[in-house]
Structures are given as structure tokens and as C-alpha cells.
Amino acid sequence: MAKRKTGWPFQEGFILERTQETHVFTDYRWNDGSVSRRWHVDRESFDIKLVTVRQISLKLSYGPDQ
């Protein structure tokens, strides 16, 4: 039986225009070591230099606000 391919998001890209924030893409790391990007908007519709990249942590927070 083949190993099932699974992926986890590790970073996202956003553009802030005035007071509107647009989620542009999400990058995924797969259990085979590969990386892929899922686009949420048309790549030609924005300037890539305006994108802010944020890291994603999938660790659970057990703080007092949970």
C-alpha cells in the first residue's frame, strides 16, 4: 500500500490595500518534502512586491484565553 500524501500550510501571503486585507496565497509543505502554493486570487491582478508573507504555526496554544 502506498503512503498517503499529506500537506500542512506553513506560510501565507497577504496584501493590505488601505483598510482591506486580501489573502493572496497559502504555501503547503508535503510529507514527501515538496512545496506547493495555492493561489486565492489571479496572479496577474497584483504586484508581488506588495505581498506580506506570514509564517503559520500549527502548534496548539494552551494559554488562558483558550
C-alpha atoms as a PDB file:
ATOM      1  CA  MET A   1       0.000   0.000   0.000  1.00  0.00           C
ATOM      2  CA  ALA A   2       1.349   3.454  -0.979  1.00  0.00           C
ATOM      3  CA  LYS A   3       1.963   6.120   1.622  1.00  0.00           C
ATOM      4  CA  ARG A   4      -0.741   8.781   1.558  1.00  0.00           C
ATOM      5  CA  LYS A   5       0.473  12.274   0.610  1.00  0.00           C
ATOM      6  CA  THR A   6      -0.460  14.898   3.189  1.00  0.00           C
ATOM      7  CA  GLY A   7       0.399  18.582   3.427  1.00  0.00           C
ATOM      8  CA  TRP A   8       0.470  21.326   6.047  1.00  0.00           C
ATOM      9  CA  PRO A   9       0.284  25.081   5.484  1.00  0.00           C
ATOM     10  CA  PHE A  10       3.447  26.866   6.583  1.00  0.00           C
ATOM     11  CA  GLN A  11       3.106  30.408   5.233  1.00  0.00           C
ATOM     12  CA  GLU A  12       0.556  32.762   3.719  1.00  0.00           C
ATOM     13  CA  GLY A  13       0.757  35.910   1.617  1.00  0.00           C
ATOM     14  CA  PHE A  14      -1.416  38.984   2.160  1.00  0.00           C
ATOM     15  CA  ILE A  15      -1.797  42.391   0.531  1.00  0.00           C
ATOM     16  CA  LEU A  16      -3.015  45.348   2.599  1.00  0.00           C
ATOM     17  CA  GLU A  17      -4.750  47.996   0.497  1.00  0.00           C
ATOM     18  CA  ARG A  18      -5.947  50.900   2.640  1.00  0.00           C
ATOM     19  CA  THR A  19      -8.072  49.093   5.242  1.00  0.00           C
ATOM     20  CA  GLN A  20      -8.748  45.942   3.186  1.00  0.00           C
ATOM     21  CA  GLU A  21      -6.521  42.875   3.615  1.00  0.00           C
ATOM     22  CA  THR A  22      -6.554  40.293   0.808  1.00  0.00           C
ATOM     23  CA  HIS A  23      -5.370  36.701   1.305  1.00  0.00           C
ATOM     24  CA  VAL A  24      -3.284  36.069  -1.842  1.00  0.00           C
ATOM     25  CA  PHE A  25      -1.787  32.584  -1.386  1.00  0.00           C
ATOM     26  CA  THR A  26      -1.052  29.734   1.006  1.00  0.00           C
ATOM     27  CA  ASP A  27       2.120  27.628   0.782  1.00  0.00           C
ATOM     28  CA  TYR A  28       1.992  23.953   1.783  1.00  0.00           C
ATOM     29  CA  ARG A  29       4.803  21.567   2.735  1.00  0.00           C
ATOM     30  CA  TRP A  30       4.052  17.928   1.881  1.00  0.00           C
ATOM     31  CA  ASN A  31       5.249  14.810   3.683  1.00  0.00           C
ATOM     32  CA  ASP A  32       7.371  13.901   0.633  1.00  0.00           C
ATOM     33  CA  GLY A  33       9.406  17.129   1.062  1.00  0.00           C
ATOM     34  CA  SER A  34       7.791  19.038  -1.807  1.00  0.00           C
ATOM     35  CA  VAL A  35       6.242  22.508  -1.514  1.00  0.00           C
ATOM     36  CA  SER A  36       3.250  23.883  -3.408  1.00  0.00           C
ATOM     37  CA  ARG A  37       1.390  27.188  -3.496  1.00  0.00           C
ATOM     38  CA  ARG A  38      -2.390  27.582  -3.634  1.00  0.00           C
ATOM     39  CA  TRP A  39      -3.404  30.915  -5.161  1.00  0.00           C
ATOM     40  CA  HIS A  40      -6.560  32.584  -3.865  1.00  0.00           C
ATOM     41  CA  VAL A  41      -6.515  35.441  -6.421  1.00  0.00           C
ATOM     42  CA  ASP A  42      -5.354  35.835 -10.020  1.00  0.00           C
ATOM     43  CA  ARG A  43      -1.547  36.130 -10.030  1.00  0.00           C
ATOM     44  CA  GLU A  44      -1.669  38.863 -12.679  1.00  0.00           C
ATOM     45  CA  SER A  45      -4.008  41.102 -10.667  1.00  0.00           C
ATOM     46  CA  PHE A  46      -1.460  42.437  -8.136  1.00  0.00           C
ATOM     47  CA  ASP A  47       2.176  43.469  -7.710  1.00  0.00           C
ATOM     48  CA  ILE A  48       4.083  40.669  -5.947  1.00  0.00           C
ATOM     49  CA  LYS A  49       6.300  43.283  -4.246  1.00  0.00           C
ATOM     50  CA  LEU A  50       3.282  44.372  -2.171  1.00  0.00           C
ATOM     51  CA  VAL A  51       2.745  40.932  -0.620  1.00  0.00           C
ATOM     52  CA  THR A  52       3.487  40.439   3.076  1.00  0.00           C
ATOM     53  CA  VAL A  53       4.400  36.833   3.932  1.00  0.00           C
ATOM     54  CA  ARG A  54       3.421  35.452   7.333  1.00  0.00           C
ATOM     55  CA  GLN A  55       4.577  32.182   8.842  1.00  0.00           C
ATOM     56  CA  ILE A  56       1.947  29.764  10.129  1.00  0.00           C
ATOM     57  CA  SER A  57       2.385  27.765  13.292  1.00  0.00           C
ATOM     58  CA  LEU A  58       0.168  24.728  13.738  1.00  0.00           C
ATOM     59  CA  LYS A  59       1.171  24.267  17.369  1.00  0.00           C
ATOM     60  CA  LEU A  60      -1.719  24.401  19.801  1.00  0.00           C
ATOM     61  CA  SER A  61      -1.833  27.262  22.241  1.00  0.00           C
ATOM     62  CA  TYR A  62      -2.838  26.352  25.762  1.00  0.00           C
ATOM     63  CA  GLY A  63      -2.949  29.916  27.073  1.00  0.00           C
ATOM     64  CA  PRO A  64      -5.544  31.276  29.494  1.00  0.00           C
ATOM     65  CA  ASP A  65      -7.676  32.640  26.620  1.00  0.00           C
ATOM     66  CA  GLN A  66      -8.406  29.157  25.262  1.00  0.00           C
END
